[in-house]
Amino acid sequence: MQTGHFAAAAGFYVKSRAANPRIFITHLALAAALAMQGDLDGGKAELTIARKLQPDANSLAIFRDRPCTANPVCREATDKTLLEGLRRLGFPEN
């Protein structure tokens, strides 16, 4: 998704979700990919599932202090794609 290929990313996440629907990050990433394509309803549905699977992951703060965020290039790409998609869905910053 960080390359901006949101439709391809969404397809990958749909396959991943089918293989194991209990992985919270798959639903979260799918939500963001759908939002970046303009499918806010689909994104909100996936975000709801992600929040049910991991209720304590309730803001973008969960992405701080992750290994990727230590790398400025990765951090910028994540912010422009995954985090931007989640922001479009109203996912809180803190």
PDB file of N, CA and C in Angstrom:
ATOM      1  N   MET A   1       0.825  -1.182   0.000  1.00  0.00           N
ATOM      2  CA  MET A   1       0.000   0.000   0.000  1.00  0.00           C
ATOM      3  C   MET A   1       0.870   1.247   0.000  1.00  0.00           C
ATOM      4  N   GLN A   2       2.055   1.168   0.576  1.00  0.00           N
ATOM      5  CA  GLN A   2       2.906   2.340   0.677  1.00  0.00           C
ATOM      6  C   GLN A   2       3.370   2.849  -0.684  1.00  0.00           C
ATOM      7  N   THR A   3       3.211   2.062  -1.712  1.00  0.00           N
ATOM      8  CA  THR A   3       3.577   2.505  -3.056  1.00  0.00           C
ATOM      9  C   THR A   3       2.431   3.233  -3.743  1.00  0.00           C
ATOM     10  N   GLY A   4       1.272   3.288  -3.091  1.00  0.00           N
ATOM     11  CA  GLY A   4       0.124   3.987  -3.667  1.00  0.00           C
ATOM     12  C   GLY A   4      -0.775   3.123  -4.529  1.00  0.00           C
ATOM     13  N   HIS A   5      -0.523   1.844  -4.577  1.00  0.00           N
ATOM     14  CA  HIS A   5      -1.356   0.922  -5.351  1.00  0.00           C
ATOM     15  C   HIS A   5      -2.477   0.388  -4.442  1.00  0.00           C
ATOM     16  N   PHE A   6      -3.458   1.230  -4.207  1.00  0.00           N
ATOM     17  CA  PHE A   6      -4.479   0.926  -3.205  1.00  0.00           C
ATOM     18  C   PHE A   6      -5.413  -0.208  -3.616  1.00  0.00           C
ATOM     19  N   ALA A   7      -5.759  -0.299  -4.891  1.00  0.00           N
ATOM     20  CA  ALA A   7      -6.632  -1.393  -5.334  1.00  0.00           C
ATOM     21  C   ALA A   7      -5.921  -2.742  -5.182  1.00  0.00           C
ATOM     22  N   ALA A   8      -4.666  -2.794  -5.572  1.00  0.00           N
ATOM     23  CA  ALA A   8      -3.898  -4.033  -5.428  1.00  0.00           C
ATOM     24  C   ALA A   8      -3.740  -4.386  -3.953  1.00  0.00           C
ATOM     25  N   ALA A   9      -3.469  -3.380  -3.129  1.00  0.00           N
ATOM     26  CA  ALA A   9      -3.328  -3.622  -1.692  1.00  0.00           C
ATOM     27  C   ALA A   9      -4.633  -4.142  -1.116  1.00  0.00           C
ATOM     28  N   ALA A  10      -5.749  -3.522  -1.503  1.00  0.00           N
ATOM     29  CA  ALA A  10      -7.052  -3.969  -0.994  1.00  0.00           C
ATOM     30  C   ALA A  10      -7.304  -5.424  -1.386  1.00  0.00           C
ATOM     31  N   GLY A  11      -6.963  -5.793  -2.607  1.00  0.00           N
ATOM     32  CA  GLY A  11      -7.122  -7.181  -3.041  1.00  0.00           C
ATOM     33  C   GLY A  11      -6.297  -8.137  -2.203  1.00  0.00           C
ATOM     34  N   PHE A  12      -5.073  -7.751  -1.909  1.00  0.00           N
ATOM     35  CA  PHE A  12      -4.209  -8.565  -1.054  1.00  0.00           C
ATOM     36  C   PHE A  12      -4.819  -8.716   0.336  1.00  0.00           C
ATOM     37  N   TYR A  13      -5.308  -7.605   0.912  1.00  0.00           N
ATOM     38  CA  TYR A  13      -5.871  -7.658   2.261  1.00  0.00           C
ATOM     39  C   TYR A  13      -7.167  -8.467   2.303  1.00  0.00           C
ATOM     40  N   VAL A  14      -7.939  -8.437   1.237  1.00  0.00           N
ATOM     41  CA  VAL A  14      -9.155  -9.262   1.175  1.00  0.00           C
ATOM     42  C   VAL A  14      -8.764 -10.742   1.217  1.00  0.00           C
ATOM     43  N   LYS A  15      -7.735 -11.114   0.471  1.00  0.00           N
ATOM     44  CA  LYS A  15      -7.257 -12.507   0.493  1.00  0.00           C
ATOM     45  C   LYS A  15      -6.726 -12.874   1.872  1.00  0.00           C
ATOM     46  N   SER A  16      -5.993 -11.970   2.470  1.00  0.00           N
ATOM     47  CA  SER A  16      -5.450 -12.211   3.804  1.00  0.00           C
ATOM     48  C   SER A  16      -6.578 -12.364   4.826  1.00  0.00           C
ATOM     49  N   ARG A  17      -7.587 -11.520   4.707  1.00  0.00           N
ATOM     50  CA  ARG A  17      -8.739 -11.592   5.611  1.00  0.00           C
ATOM     51  C   ARG A  17      -9.456 -12.931   5.463  1.00  0.00           C
ATOM     52  N   ALA A  18      -9.580 -13.411   4.241  1.00  0.00           N
ATOM     53  CA  ALA A  18     -10.236 -14.698   4.003  1.00  0.00           C
ATOM     54  C   ALA A  18      -9.444 -15.842   4.638  1.00  0.00           C
ATOM     55  N   ALA A  19      -8.128 -15.746   4.594  1.00  0.00           N
ATOM     56  CA  ALA A  19      -7.278 -16.790   5.162  1.00  0.00           C
ATOM     57  C   ALA A  19      -7.339 -16.800   6.682  1.00  0.00           C
ATOM     58  N   ASN A  20      -7.439 -15.620   7.288  1.00  0.00           N
ATOM     59  CA  ASN A  20      -7.520 -15.537   8.753  1.00  0.00           C
ATOM     60  C   ASN A  20      -8.231 -14.234   9.137  1.00  0.00           C
ATOM     61  N   PRO A  21      -9.528 -14.292   9.338  1.00  0.00           N
ATOM     62  CA  PRO A  21     -10.297 -13.081   9.640  1.00  0.00           C
ATOM     63  C   PRO A  21     -10.088 -12.521  11.041  1.00  0.00           C
ATOM     64  N   ARG A  22      -9.260 -13.144  11.852  1.00  0.00           N
ATOM     65  CA  ARG A  22      -9.046 -12.685  13.235  1.00  0.00           C
ATOM     66  C   ARG A  22      -7.819 -11.781  13.393  1.00  0.00           C
ATOM     67  N   ILE A  23      -7.151 -11.467  12.304  1.00  0.00           N
ATOM     68  CA  ILE A  23      -5.969 -10.617  12.382  1.00  0.00           C
ATOM     69  C   ILE A  23      -6.401  -9.157  12.252  1.00  0.00           C
ATOM     70  N   PHE A  24      -6.277  -8.444  13.343  1.00  0.00           N
ATOM     71  CA  PHE A  24      -6.748  -7.068  13.430  1.00  0.00           C
ATOM     72  C   PHE A  24      -6.098  -6.145  12.402  1.00  0.00           C
ATOM     73  N   ILE A  25      -4.788  -6.255  12.210  1.00  0.00           N
ATOM     74  CA  ILE A  25      -4.078  -5.330  11.331  1.00  0.00           C
ATOM     75  C   ILE A  25      -4.517  -5.491   9.879  1.00  0.00           C
ATOM     76  N   THR A  26      -4.952  -6.682   9.499  1.00  0.00           N
ATOM     77  CA  THR A  26      -5.452  -6.882   8.138  1.00  0.00           C
ATOM     78  C   THR A  26      -6.696  -6.030   7.916  1.00  0.00           C
ATOM     79  N   HIS A  27      -7.611  -6.053   8.864  1.00  0.00           N
ATOM     80  CA  HIS A  27      -8.824  -5.247   8.744  1.00  0.00           C
ATOM     81  C   HIS A  27      -8.498  -3.756   8.758  1.00  0.00           C
ATOM     82  N   LEU A  28      -7.543  -3.373   9.581  1.00  0.00           N
ATOM     83  CA  LEU A  28      -7.150  -1.970   9.671  1.00  0.00           C
ATOM     84  C   LEU A  28      -6.535  -1.499   8.351  1.00  0.00           C
ATOM     85  N   ALA A  29      -5.641  -2.297   7.800  1.00  0.00           N
ATOM     86  CA  ALA A  29      -4.999  -1.938   6.539  1.00  0.00           C
ATOM     87  C   ALA A  29      -6.007  -1.936   5.391  1.00  0.00           C
ATOM     88  N   LEU A  30      -6.928  -2.899   5.380  1.00  0.00           N
ATOM     89  CA  LEU A  30      -7.964  -2.927   4.354  1.00  0.00           C
ATOM     90  C   LEU A  30      -8.848  -1.688   4.475  1.00  0.00           C
ATOM     91  N   ALA A  31      -9.178  -1.306   5.689  1.00  0.00           N
ATOM     92  CA  ALA A  31      -9.978  -0.101   5.910  1.00  0.00           C
ATOM     93  C   ALA A  31      -9.289   1.108   5.286  1.00  0.00           C
ATOM     94  N   ALA A  32      -7.998   1.246   5.529  1.00  0.00           N
ATOM     95  CA  ALA A  32      -7.247   2.383   4.989  1.00  0.00           C
ATOM     96  C   ALA A  32      -7.175   2.330   3.469  1.00  0.00           C
ATOM     97  N   ALA A  33      -6.914   1.152   2.905  1.00  0.00           N
ATOM     98  CA  ALA A  33      -6.826   1.019   1.448  1.00  0.00           C
ATOM     99  C   ALA A  33      -8.162   1.370   0.795  1.00  0.00           C
ATOM    100  N   LEU A  34      -9.253   0.920   1.382  1.00  0.00           N
ATOM    101  CA  LEU A  34     -10.572   1.252   0.836  1.00  0.00           C
ATOM    102  C   LEU A  34     -10.839   2.749   0.924  1.00  0.00           C
ATOM    103  N   ALA A  35     -10.483   3.350   2.051  1.00  0.00           N
ATOM    104  CA  ALA A  35     -10.685   4.795   2.218  1.00  0.00           C
ATOM    105  C   ALA A  35      -9.873   5.584   1.196  1.00  0.00           C
ATOM    106  N   MET A  36      -8.659   5.158   0.926  1.00  0.00           N
ATOM    107  CA  MET A  36      -7.815   5.865  -0.037  1.00  0.00           C
ATOM    108  C   MET A  36      -8.372   5.758  -1.456  1.00  0.00           C
ATOM    109  N   GLN A  37      -9.230   4.759  -1.690  1.00  0.00           N
ATOM    110  CA  GLN A  37      -9.892   4.613  -2.990  1.00  0.00           C
ATOM    111  C   GLN A  37     -11.239   5.333  -3.016  1.00  0.00           C
ATOM    112  N   GLY A  38     -11.630   5.899  -1.884  1.00  0.00           N
ATOM    113  CA  GLY A  38     -12.903   6.612  -1.807  1.00  0.00           C
ATOM    114  C   GLY A  38     -14.060   5.791  -1.293  1.00  0.00           C
ATOM    115  N   ASP A  39     -13.815   4.539  -0.925  1.00  0.00           N
ATOM    116  CA  ASP A  39     -14.865   3.666  -0.392  1.00  0.00           C
ATOM    117  C   ASP A  39     -14.908   3.817   1.125  1.00  0.00           C
ATOM    118  N   LEU A  40     -15.520   4.912   1.569  1.00  0.00           N
ATOM    119  CA  LEU A  40     -15.554   5.184   3.004  1.00  0.00           C
ATOM    120  C   LEU A  40     -16.469   4.220   3.752  1.00  0.00           C
ATOM    121  N   ASP A  41     -17.569   3.807   3.140  1.00  0.00           N
ATOM    122  CA  ASP A  41     -18.461   2.857   3.805  1.00  0.00           C
ATOM    123  C   ASP A  41     -17.770   1.517   4.034  1.00  0.00           C
ATOM    124  N   GLY A  42     -17.094   1.012   3.015  1.00  0.00           N
ATOM    125  CA  GLY A  42     -16.354  -0.240   3.165  1.00  0.00           C
ATOM    126  C   GLY A  42     -15.236  -0.108   4.177  1.00  0.00           C
ATOM    127  N   GLY A  43     -14.553   1.036   4.140  1.00  0.00           N
ATOM    128  CA  GLY A  43     -13.483   1.280   5.098  1.00  0.00           C
ATOM    129  C   GLY A  43     -13.989   1.327   6.526  1.00  0.00           C
ATOM    130  N   LYS A  44     -15.123   1.981   6.738  1.00  0.00           N
ATOM    131  CA  LYS A  44     -15.689   2.065   8.085  1.00  0.00           C
ATOM    132  C   LYS A  44     -16.117   0.697   8.590  1.00  0.00           C
ATOM    133  N   ALA A  45     -16.632  -0.140   7.696  1.00  0.00           N
ATOM    134  CA  ALA A  45     -17.032  -1.494   8.093  1.00  0.00           C
ATOM    135  C   ALA A  45     -15.809  -2.298   8.554  1.00  0.00           C
ATOM    136  N   GLU A  46     -14.717  -2.197   7.821  1.00  0.00           N
ATOM    137  CA  GLU A  46     -13.492  -2.913   8.206  1.00  0.00           C
ATOM    138  C   GLU A  46     -12.900  -2.338   9.491  1.00  0.00           C
ATOM    139  N   LEU A  47     -12.975  -1.031   9.648  1.00  0.00           N
ATOM    140  CA  LEU A  47     -12.474  -0.392  10.861  1.00  0.00           C
ATOM    141  C   LEU A  47     -13.261  -0.858  12.081  1.00  0.00           C
ATOM    142  N   THR A  48     -14.549  -1.030  11.930  1.00  0.00           N
ATOM    143  CA  THR A  48     -15.393  -1.534  13.024  1.00  0.00           C
ATOM    144  C   THR A  48     -14.948  -2.935  13.438  1.00  0.00           C
ATOM    145  N   ILE A  49     -14.678  -3.777  12.458  1.00  0.00           N
ATOM    146  CA  ILE A  49     -14.219  -5.140  12.760  1.00  0.00           C
ATOM    147  C   ILE A  49     -12.862  -5.093  13.467  1.00  0.00           C
ATOM    148  N   ALA A  50     -11.958  -4.268  12.962  1.00  0.00           N
ATOM    149  CA  ALA A  50     -10.624  -4.154  13.578  1.00  0.00           C
ATOM    150  C   ALA A  50     -10.733  -3.716  15.031  1.00  0.00           C
ATOM    151  N   ARG A  51     -11.595  -2.758  15.291  1.00  0.00           N
ATOM    152  CA  ARG A  51     -11.753  -2.260  16.666  1.00  0.00           C
ATOM    153  C   ARG A  51     -12.360  -3.325  17.580  1.00  0.00           C
ATOM    154  N   LYS A  52     -13.219  -4.172  17.050  1.00  0.00           N
ATOM    155  CA  LYS A  52     -13.778  -5.260  17.860  1.00  0.00           C
ATOM    156  C   LYS A  52     -12.711  -6.296  18.183  1.00  0.00           C
ATOM    157  N   LEU A  53     -11.823  -6.548  17.234  1.00  0.00           N
ATOM    158  CA  LEU A  53     -10.771  -7.534  17.450  1.00  0.00           C
ATOM    159  C   LEU A  53      -9.706  -7.046  18.426  1.00  0.00           C
ATOM    160  N   GLN A  54      -9.450  -5.752  18.417  1.00  0.00           N
ATOM    161  CA  GLN A  54      -8.427  -5.197  19.310  1.00  0.00           C
ATOM    162  C   GLN A  54      -8.895  -3.830  19.823  1.00  0.00           C
ATOM    163  N   PRO A  55      -9.760  -3.844  20.839  1.00  0.00           N
ATOM    164  CA  PRO A  55     -10.358  -2.594  21.337  1.00  0.00           C
ATOM    165  C   PRO A  55      -9.355  -1.565  21.855  1.00  0.00           C
ATOM    166  N   ASP A  56      -8.205  -2.001  22.351  1.00  0.00           N
ATOM    167  CA  ASP A  56      -7.231  -1.041  22.871  1.00  0.00           C
ATOM    168  C   ASP A  56      -6.484  -0.304  21.770  1.00  0.00           C
ATOM    169  N   ALA A  57      -6.613  -0.735  20.533  1.00  0.00           N
ATOM    170  CA  ALA A  57      -6.020  -0.027  19.391  1.00  0.00           C
ATOM    171  C   ALA A  57      -7.046   0.994  18.910  1.00  0.00           C
ATOM    172  N   ASN A  58      -7.128   2.094  19.630  1.00  0.00           N
ATOM    173  CA  ASN A  58      -8.215   3.036  19.390  1.00  0.00           C
ATOM    174  C   ASN A  58      -7.769   4.393  18.855  1.00  0.00           C
ATOM    175  N   SER A  59      -6.511   4.488  18.425  1.00  0.00           N
ATOM    176  CA  SER A  59      -6.049   5.734  17.819  1.00  0.00           C
ATOM    177  C   SER A  59      -4.784   5.469  16.992  1.00  0.00           C
ATOM    178  N   LEU A  60      -4.400   6.466  16.226  1.00  0.00           N
ATOM    179  CA  LEU A  60      -3.187   6.350  15.417  1.00  0.00           C
ATOM    180  C   LEU A  60      -1.924   6.275  16.270  1.00  0.00           C
ATOM    181  N   ALA A  61      -2.054   6.566  17.543  1.00  0.00           N
ATOM    182  CA  ALA A  61      -0.910   6.482  18.448  1.00  0.00           C
ATOM    183  C   ALA A  61      -0.335   5.066  18.502  1.00  0.00           C
ATOM    184  N   ILE A  62      -1.126   4.053  18.139  1.00  0.00           N
ATOM    185  CA  ILE A  62      -0.613   2.678  18.152  1.00  0.00           C
ATOM    186  C   ILE A  62       0.537   2.488  17.175  1.00  0.00           C
ATOM    187  N   PHE A  63       0.669   3.398  16.201  1.00  0.00           N
ATOM    188  CA  PHE A  63       1.727   3.269  15.206  1.00  0.00           C
ATOM    189  C   PHE A  63       3.009   3.983  15.612  1.00  0.00           C
ATOM    190  N   ARG A  64       2.973   4.710  16.700  1.00  0.00           N
ATOM    191  CA  ARG A  64       4.191   5.360  17.183  1.00  0.00           C
ATOM    192  C   ARG A  64       5.091   4.303  17.830  1.00  0.00           C
ATOM    193  N   ASP A  65       6.363   4.502  17.738  1.00  0.00           N
ATOM    194  CA  ASP A  65       7.355   3.601  18.347  1.00  0.00           C
ATOM    195  C   ASP A  65       7.326   2.202  17.760  1.00  0.00           C
ATOM    196  N   ARG A  66       6.896   2.083  16.527  1.00  0.00           N
ATOM    197  CA  ARG A  66       6.994   0.817  15.807  1.00  0.00           C
ATOM    198  C   ARG A  66       8.311   0.827  15.038  1.00  0.00           C
ATOM    199  N   PRO A  67       8.875  -0.334  14.714  1.00  0.00           N
ATOM    200  CA  PRO A  67      10.159  -0.349  14.000  1.00  0.00           C
ATOM    201  C   PRO A  67      10.159   0.501  12.729  1.00  0.00           C
ATOM    202  N   CYS A  68       9.078   0.470  11.969  1.00  0.00           N
ATOM    203  CA  CYS A  68       9.038   1.229  10.720  1.00  0.00           C
ATOM    204  C   CYS A  68       9.124   2.729  10.972  1.00  0.00           C
ATOM    205  N   THR A  69       8.515   3.204  12.047  1.00  0.00           N
ATOM    206  CA  THR A  69       8.496   4.649  12.273  1.00  0.00           C
ATOM    207  C   THR A  69       9.863   5.214  12.656  1.00  0.00           C
ATOM    208  N   ALA A  70      10.818   4.346  12.951  1.00  0.00           N
ATOM    209  CA  ALA A  70      12.178   4.809  13.219  1.00  0.00           C
ATOM    210  C   ALA A  70      12.885   5.201  11.920  1.00  0.00           C
ATOM    211  N   ASN A  71      12.409   4.694  10.805  1.00  0.00           N
ATOM    212  CA  ASN A  71      12.984   5.000   9.497  1.00  0.00           C
ATOM    213  C   ASN A  71      12.182   6.139   8.869  1.00  0.00           C
ATOM    214  N   PRO A  72      12.795   7.292   8.599  1.00  0.00           N
ATOM    215  CA  PRO A  72      12.047   8.434   8.073  1.00  0.00           C
ATOM    216  C   PRO A  72      11.326   8.158   6.755  1.00  0.00           C
ATOM    217  N   VAL A  73      11.921   7.382   5.873  1.00  0.00           N
ATOM    218  CA  VAL A  73      11.285   7.080   4.586  1.00  0.00           C
ATOM    219  C   VAL A  73      10.035   6.226   4.805  1.00  0.00           C
ATOM    220  N   CYS A  74      10.164   5.207   5.630  1.00  0.00           N
ATOM    221  CA  CYS A  74       9.029   4.340   5.927  1.00  0.00           C
ATOM    222  C   CYS A  74       7.944   5.115   6.669  1.00  0.00           C
ATOM    223  N   ARG A  75       8.357   5.943   7.612  1.00  0.00           N
ATOM    224  CA  ARG A  75       7.404   6.736   8.391  1.00  0.00           C
ATOM    225  C   ARG A  75       6.598   7.655   7.476  1.00  0.00           C
ATOM    226  N   GLU A  76       7.265   8.317   6.533  1.00  0.00           N
ATOM    227  CA  GLU A  76       6.579   9.218   5.609  1.00  0.00           C
ATOM    228  C   GLU A  76       5.606   8.458   4.710  1.00  0.00           C
ATOM    229  N   ALA A  77       6.034   7.309   4.194  1.00  0.00           N
ATOM    230  CA  ALA A  77       5.159   6.506   3.337  1.00  0.00           C
ATOM    231  C   ALA A  77       3.952   5.996   4.109  1.00  0.00           C
ATOM    232  N   THR A  78       4.170   5.561   5.335  1.00  0.00           N
ATOM    233  CA  THR A  78       3.071   5.090   6.183  1.00  0.00           C
ATOM    234  C   THR A  78       2.093   6.217   6.466  1.00  0.00           C
ATOM    235  N   ASP A  79       2.615   7.398   6.727  1.00  0.00           N
ATOM    236  CA  ASP A  79       1.747   8.538   7.025  1.00  0.00           C
ATOM    237  C   ASP A  79       0.894   8.922   5.824  1.00  0.00           C
ATOM    238  N   LYS A  80       1.468   8.847   4.621  1.00  0.00           N
ATOM    239  CA  LYS A  80       0.756   9.256   3.409  1.00  0.00           C
ATOM    240  C   LYS A  80      -0.234   8.206   2.913  1.00  0.00           C
ATOM    241  N   THR A  81      -0.167   7.014   3.440  1.00  0.00           N
ATOM    242  CA  THR A  81      -1.040   5.942   2.934  1.00  0.00           C
ATOM    243  C   THR A  81      -1.904   5.365   4.050  1.00  0.00           C
ATOM    244  N   LEU A  82      -1.345   4.513   4.855  1.00  0.00           N
ATOM    245  CA  LEU A  82      -2.108   3.843   5.908  1.00  0.00           C
ATOM    246  C   LEU A  82      -2.759   4.846   6.855  1.00  0.00           C
ATOM    247  N   LEU A  83      -1.958   5.741   7.398  1.00  0.00           N
ATOM    248  CA  LEU A  83      -2.500   6.675   8.383  1.00  0.00           C
ATOM    249  C   LEU A  83      -3.458   7.674   7.751  1.00  0.00           C
ATOM    250  N   GLU A  84      -3.163   8.107   6.531  1.00  0.00           N
ATOM    251  CA  GLU A  84      -4.081   9.030   5.848  1.00  0.00           C
ATOM    252  C   GLU A  84      -5.422   8.357   5.585  1.00  0.00           C
ATOM    253  N   GLY A  85      -5.397   7.100   5.179  1.00  0.00           N
ATOM    254  CA  GLY A  85      -6.650   6.372   4.972  1.00  0.00           C
ATOM    255  C   GLY A  85      -7.464   6.279   6.249  1.00  0.00           C
ATOM    256  N   LEU A  86      -6.794   5.985   7.354  1.00  0.00           N
ATOM    257  CA  LEU A  86      -7.493   5.893   8.634  1.00  0.00           C
ATOM    258  C   LEU A  86      -8.014   7.256   9.078  1.00  0.00           C
ATOM    259  N   ARG A  87      -7.264   8.312   8.802  1.00  0.00           N
ATOM    260  CA  ARG A  87      -7.752   9.661   9.135  1.00  0.00           C
ATOM    261  C   ARG A  87      -9.029   9.969   8.350  1.00  0.00           C
ATOM    262  N   ARG A  88      -9.072   9.571   7.094  1.00  0.00           N
ATOM    263  CA  ARG A  88     -10.270   9.806   6.265  1.00  0.00           C
ATOM    264  C   ARG A  88     -11.494   9.116   6.840  1.00  0.00           C
ATOM    265  N   LEU A  89     -11.258   8.076   7.611  1.00  0.00           N
ATOM    266  CA  LEU A  89     -12.361   7.342   8.246  1.00  0.00           C
ATOM    267  C   LEU A  89     -12.699   7.890   9.622  1.00  0.00           C
ATOM    268  N   GLY A  90     -11.971   8.908  10.058  1.00  0.00           N
ATOM    269  CA  GLY A  90     -12.232   9.497  11.353  1.00  0.00           C
ATOM    270  C   GLY A  90     -11.538   8.823  12.517  1.00  0.00           C
ATOM    271  N   PHE A  91     -10.557   7.972  12.227  1.00  0.00           N
ATOM    272  CA  PHE A  91      -9.804   7.306  13.290  1.00  0.00           C
ATOM    273  C   PHE A  91      -9.022   8.367  14.038  1.00  0.00           C
ATOM    274  N   PRO A  92      -9.156   8.441  15.366  1.00  0.00           N
ATOM    275  CA  PRO A  92      -8.515   9.528  16.122  1.00  0.00           C
ATOM    276  C   PRO A  92      -6.991   9.463  16.115  1.00  0.00           C
ATOM    277  N   GLU A  93      -6.386  10.626  16.239  1.00  0.00           N
ATOM    278  CA  GLU A  93      -4.922  10.725  16.308  1.00  0.00           C
ATOM    279  C   GLU A  93      -4.392  10.183  17.630  1.00  0.00           C
ATOM    280  N   ASN A  94      -5.045  10.527  18.731  1.00  0.00           N
ATOM    281  CA  ASN A  94      -4.579  10.123  20.069  1.00  0.00           C
ATOM    282  C   ASN A  94      -5.685   9.440  20.842  1.00  0.00           C
TER     283      ASN A  94
END
